[in-house]
C-alpha atoms as a PDB file:
ATOM      1  CA  MET A   1      78.834  49.294  14.166  1.00  0.00           C
ATOM      2  CA  ALA A   2      82.376  50.688  13.839  1.00  0.00           C
ATOM      3  CA  ASP A   3      83.995  47.232  13.528  1.00  0.00           C
ATOM      4  CA  ARG A   4      81.981  46.282  10.453  1.00  0.00           C
ATOM      5  CA  GLN A   5      84.160  45.528   7.385  1.00  0.00           C
ATOM      6  CA  PRO A   6      83.260  47.001   3.966  1.00  0.00           C
ATOM      7  CA  SER A   7      82.152  44.637   1.244  1.00  0.00           C
ATOM      8  CA  GLY A   8      84.827  43.472  -1.174  1.00  0.00           C
ATOM      9  CA  TRP A   9      82.388  43.827  -4.057  1.00  0.00           C
ATOM     10  CA  ALA A  10      81.659  47.435  -3.136  1.00  0.00           C
ATOM     11  CA  ILE A  11      85.351  48.294  -2.991  1.00  0.00           C
ATOM     12  CA  GLY A  12      86.033  46.497  -6.275  1.00  0.00           C
ATOM     13  CA  TRP A  13      83.217  48.172  -8.204  1.00  0.00           C
ATOM     14  CA  THR A  14      84.065  51.583  -6.769  1.00  0.00           C
ATOM     15  CA  THR A  15      87.699  51.145  -7.819  1.00  0.00           C
ATOM     16  CA  PHE A  16      86.624  50.008 -11.296  1.00  0.00           C
ATOM     17  CA  ALA A  17      84.289  53.013 -11.686  1.00  0.00           C
ATOM     18  CA  ALA A  18      87.023  55.421 -10.576  1.00  0.00           C
ATOM     19  CA  PHE A  19      89.503  53.890 -13.024  1.00  0.00           C
ATOM     20  CA  MET A  20      87.022  54.099 -15.910  1.00  0.00           C
ATOM     21  CA  LEU A  21      86.206  57.748 -15.132  1.00  0.00           C
ATOM     22  CA  ILE A  22      89.909  58.626 -15.113  1.00  0.00           C
ATOM     23  CA  LEU A  23      90.476  56.713 -18.367  1.00  0.00           C
ATOM     24  CA  ILE A  24      87.537  58.354 -20.149  1.00  0.00           C
ATOM     25  CA  GLY A  25      88.600  61.761 -18.836  1.00  0.00           C
ATOM     26  CA  SER A  26      92.075  61.169 -20.274  1.00  0.00           C
ATOM     27  CA  PHE A  27      90.537  60.405 -23.670  1.00  0.00           C
ATOM     28  CA  HIS A  28      88.543  63.651 -23.490  1.00  0.00           C
ATOM     29  CA  ILE A  29      91.693  65.625 -22.676  1.00  0.00           C
ATOM     30  CA  ILE A  30      93.453  64.124 -25.709  1.00  0.00           C
ATOM     31  CA  ALA A  31      90.425  64.812 -27.938  1.00  0.00           C
ATOM     32  CA  GLY A  32      90.307  68.429 -26.751  1.00  0.00           C
ATOM     33  CA  LEU A  33      94.008  68.941 -27.476  1.00  0.00           C
ATOM     34  CA  VAL A  34      93.604  67.436 -30.954  1.00  0.00           C
ATOM     35  CA  ALA A  35      90.628  69.737 -31.604  1.00  0.00           C
ATOM     36  CA  ILE A  36      92.628  72.790 -30.540  1.00  0.00           C
ATOM     37  CA  ALA A  37      95.564  71.733 -32.714  1.00  0.00           C
ATOM     38  CA  SER A  38      93.382  71.109 -35.769  1.00  0.00           C
ATOM     39  CA  LEU A  39      91.551  74.415 -35.356  1.00  0.00           C
ATOM     40  CA  GLY A  40      94.483  76.256 -36.902  1.00  0.00           C
ATOM     41  CA  VAL A  41      94.171  74.117 -40.035  1.00  0.00           C
ATOM     42  CA  ILE A  42      90.478  74.937 -40.443  1.00  0.00           C
ATOM     43  CA  VAL A  43      90.489  78.602 -39.405  1.00  0.00           C
ATOM     44  CA  GLY A  44      93.844  79.725 -40.780  1.00  0.00           C
ATOM     45  CA  THR A  45      96.488  81.982 -39.306  1.00  0.00           C
ATOM     46  CA  GLN A  46      94.081  84.606 -37.904  1.00  0.00           C
ATOM     47  CA  LEU A  47      90.583  84.461 -36.566  1.00  0.00           C
ATOM     48  CA  ASP A  48      88.426  86.648 -38.773  1.00  0.00           C
ATOM     49  CA  VAL A  49      84.894  86.359 -40.107  1.00  0.00           C
ATOM     50  CA  THR A  50      85.931  84.003 -42.922  1.00  0.00           C
ATOM     51  CA  GLY A  51      87.804  81.755 -40.488  1.00  0.00           C
ATOM     52  CA  TYR A  52      84.811  81.759 -38.148  1.00  0.00           C
ATOM     53  CA  HIS A  53      82.527  80.719 -41.016  1.00  0.00           C
ATOM     54  CA  ARG A  54      84.924  77.917 -41.983  1.00  0.00           C
ATOM     55  CA  ALA A  55      84.963  76.698 -38.362  1.00  0.00           C
ATOM     56  CA  ALA A  56      81.148  76.819 -38.174  1.00  0.00           C
ATOM     57  CA  ILE A  57      80.802  74.917 -41.460  1.00  0.00           C
ATOM     58  CA  ALA A  58      83.360  72.306 -40.345  1.00  0.00           C
ATOM     59  CA  THR A  59      81.455  71.850 -37.068  1.00  0.00           C
ATOM     60  CA  ALA A  60      78.172  71.426 -38.964  1.00  0.00           C
ATOM     61  CA  VAL A  61      79.766  68.887 -41.326  1.00  0.00           C
ATOM     62  CA  PHE A  62      81.140  66.867 -38.406  1.00  0.00           C
ATOM     63  CA  LEU A  63      77.726  66.892 -36.709  1.00  0.00           C
ATOM     64  CA  VAL A  64      76.011  65.694 -39.894  1.00  0.00           C
ATOM     65  CA  ILE A  65      78.616  62.946 -40.376  1.00  0.00           C
ATOM     66  CA  GLY A  66      78.082  61.823 -36.770  1.00  0.00           C
ATOM     67  CA  ALA A  67      74.307  61.818 -37.251  1.00  0.00           C
ATOM     68  CA  VAL A  68      74.578  59.714 -40.418  1.00  0.00           C
ATOM     69  CA  ILE A  69      76.908  57.228 -38.744  1.00  0.00           C
ATOM     70  CA  SER A  70      74.529  56.980 -35.770  1.00  0.00           C
ATOM     71  CA  TRP A  71      71.517  56.555 -38.048  1.00  0.00           C
ATOM     72  CA  ILE A  72      73.256  53.732 -39.931  1.00  0.00           C
ATOM     73  CA  GLY A  73      74.892  52.059 -36.946  1.00  0.00           C
ATOM     74  CA  ILE A  74      72.265  52.181 -34.194  1.00  0.00           C
ATOM     75  CA  ARG A  75      69.501  49.652 -34.666  1.00  0.00           C
ATOM     76  CA  ASN A  76      66.977  48.282 -32.197  1.00  0.00           C
ATOM     77  CA  PRO A  77      66.344  44.612 -32.896  1.00  0.00           C
ATOM     78  CA  VAL A  78      62.755  43.461 -33.188  1.00  0.00           C
ATOM     79  CA  PRO A  79      61.992  41.420 -30.059  1.00  0.00           C
ATOM     80  CA  THR A  80      60.761  37.896 -30.560  1.00  0.00           C
ATOM     81  CA  PRO A  81      58.083  36.487 -28.257  1.00  0.00           C
ATOM     82  CA  GLY A  82      60.362  33.665 -27.098  1.00  0.00           C
ATOM     83  CA  ALA A  83      63.195  35.999 -26.133  1.00  0.00           C
ATOM     84  CA  THR A  84      61.079  38.230 -23.881  1.00  0.00           C
ATOM     85  CA  GLY A  85      59.050  35.495 -22.250  1.00  0.00           C
ATOM     86  CA  ALA A  86      55.821  37.040 -23.475  1.00  0.00           C
ATOM     87  CA  THR A  87      53.087  34.950 -24.975  1.00  0.00           C
ATOM     88  CA  PRO A  88      52.269  35.753 -28.590  1.00  0.00           C
ATOM     89  CA  ARG A  89      49.039  37.627 -29.198  1.00  0.00           C
ATOM     90  CA  PRO A  90      46.357  35.782 -31.126  1.00  0.00           C
ATOM     91  CA  THR A  91      45.961  36.846 -34.708  1.00  0.00           C
ATOM     92  CA  ALA A  92      42.668  37.988 -36.203  1.00  0.00           C
ATOM     93  CA  SER A  93      42.060  34.548 -37.744  1.00  0.00           C
ATOM     94  CA  ALA A  94      42.617  32.657 -34.476  1.00  0.00           C
ATOM     95  CA  PRO A  95      39.570  32.245 -32.238  1.00  0.00           C
ATOM     96  CA  SER A  96      39.682  34.013 -28.897  1.00  0.00           C
ATOM     97  CA  THR A  97      39.992  31.779 -25.845  1.00  0.00           C
ATOM     98  CA  GLY A  98      38.570  34.348 -23.473  1.00  0.00           C
ATOM     99  CA  SER A  99      40.279  36.271 -20.740  1.00  0.00           C
ATOM    100  CA  THR A 100      44.022  36.002 -20.250  1.00  0.00           C
ATOM    101  CA  HIS A 101      43.732  37.015 -16.579  1.00  0.00           C
ATOM    102  CA  VAL A 102      45.669  34.759 -14.237  1.00  0.00           C
ATOM    103  CA  PRO A 103      44.329  34.777 -10.687  1.00  0.00           C
ATOM    104  CA  PRO A 104      46.830  35.269  -7.861  1.00  0.00           C
ATOM    105  CA  HIS A 105      48.046  32.270  -5.923  1.00  0.00           C
ATOM    106  CA  SER A 106      46.001  31.450  -2.884  1.00  0.00           C
ATOM    107  CA  ALA A 107      47.784  31.198   0.451  1.00  0.00           C
ATOM    108  CA  GLU A 108      46.869  27.703   1.588  1.00  0.00           C
END
């Protein structure tokens, strides 16, 4: 069992996942530093109650903007019967053909 070689696909996908995690983590570090740097613009020179309220309002505004962008941008397309492989359901005007049960294949 010790002489078994690891799969090339497993090594490749593991390397890709590690690279993507490092890349995304780097983006989060940059975003955090930008947030810390821009905090002084929103709060002011000292942190007092007024600065805290401005920071809370700015956070709420950014959350609302993100929610609006998500509401506009994220759409689930309506599936068509041909795309899913499903058979269309009969409408109320179409006569019923009976059961749609398909018996299992017999082992002959």
